[in-house]
Amino acid sequence: MASMIPDILVNNDAWVDVYSATGITVGVALQIQNKGSGIALVYTGASAPPSLEGYGYAVQTFDVANVDSGEAGCFILARGAINVQQV
């Protein structure tokens, strides 16, 4: 059984690099659950988007987003706890 990765706490004022925050190797497939309040935005790309608006896809509270293997990076903008697991 894989070890549990602690939740990431984010405060909705900057994009957070999911791979750096979790220690997961860039390009590994991920499952991301929004455990915070409100919508989380998930963006895949080599670097964070240039602004806080107009990027990423929406993940409702307690919904899950999947990030495919081979992505150059993954960033999240949210308020509260985010759970990330390797797939």
Protein backbone atom coordinates (compact mmCIF):
# COMPACT_ATOMS: atom_id res chain seq x y z
CA MET A 1 0.00 0.00 0.00
CA ALA A 2 1.34 3.44 -0.94
CA SER A 3 2.11 5.86 1.85
CA MET A 4 -0.36 8.70 2.38
CA ILE A 5 0.77 12.15 1.28
CA PRO A 6 -0.31 14.92 3.69
CA ASP A 7 -2.78 17.51 2.43
CA ILE A 8 -1.43 20.69 0.87
CA LEU A 9 -2.79 23.86 2.47
CA VAL A 10 -3.23 26.69 -0.03
CA ASN A 11 -4.62 30.18 0.44
CA ASN A 12 -5.85 31.21 -3.03
CA ASP A 13 -3.39 34.05 -3.60
CA ALA A 14 -0.77 32.28 -5.72
CA TRP A 15 -0.45 29.20 -7.92
CA VAL A 16 1.13 26.30 -5.99
CA ASP A 17 3.42 23.81 -7.75
CA VAL A 18 1.82 20.46 -6.86
CA TYR A 19 4.88 18.36 -7.63
CA SER A 20 7.18 20.56 -5.52
CA ALA A 21 4.71 20.76 -2.64
CA THR A 22 4.30 16.98 -2.47
CA GLY A 23 7.75 15.76 -3.45
CA ILE A 24 6.25 13.66 -6.25
CA THR A 25 8.40 13.36 -9.37
CA VAL A 26 7.26 15.67 -12.19
CA GLY A 27 5.33 13.75 -14.84
CA VAL A 28 3.82 11.12 -12.54
CA ALA A 29 0.03 10.76 -12.89
CA LEU A 30 -1.88 12.42 -10.05
CA GLN A 31 -5.30 12.37 -8.44
CA ILE A 32 -6.16 15.69 -6.80
CA GLN A 33 -9.10 16.16 -4.43
CA ASN A 34 -10.36 19.61 -3.49
CA LYS A 35 -11.04 19.45 0.25
CA GLY A 36 -11.16 23.23 0.65
CA SER A 37 -13.95 25.74 0.39
CA GLY A 38 -14.97 26.89 -3.06
CA ILE A 39 -13.66 25.99 -6.48
CA ALA A 40 -10.04 24.94 -7.02
CA LEU A 41 -8.33 25.54 -10.34
CA VAL A 42 -5.92 22.92 -11.68
CA TYR A 43 -3.49 23.89 -14.44
CA THR A 44 -1.02 21.64 -16.23
CA GLY A 45 2.07 23.12 -17.84
CA ALA A 46 5.80 23.59 -17.31
CA SER A 47 5.36 26.84 -15.37
CA ALA A 48 2.62 28.60 -13.42
CA PRO A 49 0.14 30.72 -15.38
CA PRO A 50 0.94 34.44 -15.59
CA SER A 51 -2.18 35.49 -13.69
CA LEU A 52 -4.72 34.19 -11.19
CA GLU A 53 -7.64 34.39 -13.63
CA GLY A 54 -8.48 32.69 -16.88
CA TYR A 55 -6.40 29.54 -16.47
CA GLY A 56 -6.97 25.96 -15.31
CA TYR A 57 -10.02 23.78 -15.01
CA ALA A 58 -12.47 23.99 -12.12
CA VAL A 59 -12.71 21.34 -9.42
CA GLN A 60 -15.65 21.67 -7.03
CA THR A 61 -15.30 21.00 -3.29
CA PHE A 62 -14.74 17.26 -2.65
CA ASP A 63 -14.50 16.50 -6.38
CA VAL A 64 -11.43 14.85 -7.87
CA ALA A 65 -9.29 15.83 -10.85
CA ASN A 66 -6.89 13.50 -12.60
CA VAL A 67 -3.59 14.65 -14.09
CA ASP A 68 -2.20 12.38 -16.80
CA SER A 69 1.31 11.01 -16.67
CA GLY A 70 3.86 12.87 -18.74
CA GLU A 71 2.65 16.38 -17.88
CA ALA A 72 5.47 18.94 -17.63
CA GLY A 73 4.04 20.36 -14.40
CA CYS A 74 0.88 20.87 -12.36
CA PHE A 75 -0.24 23.95 -10.47
CA ILE A 76 -3.24 24.57 -8.24
CA LEU A 77 -5.08 27.66 -7.06
CA ALA A 78 -7.50 26.99 -4.20
CA ARG A 79 -8.58 27.90 -0.70
CA GLY A 80 -7.94 25.30 1.97
CA ALA A 81 -6.76 21.69 1.90
CA ILE A 82 -5.93 19.77 -1.25
CA ASN A 83 -5.23 16.05 -1.21
CA VAL A 84 -2.82 14.72 -3.84
CA GLN A 85 -2.01 11.08 -4.50
CA GLN A 86 0.07 9.30 -7.12
CA VAL A 87 -1.97 7.18 -9.50
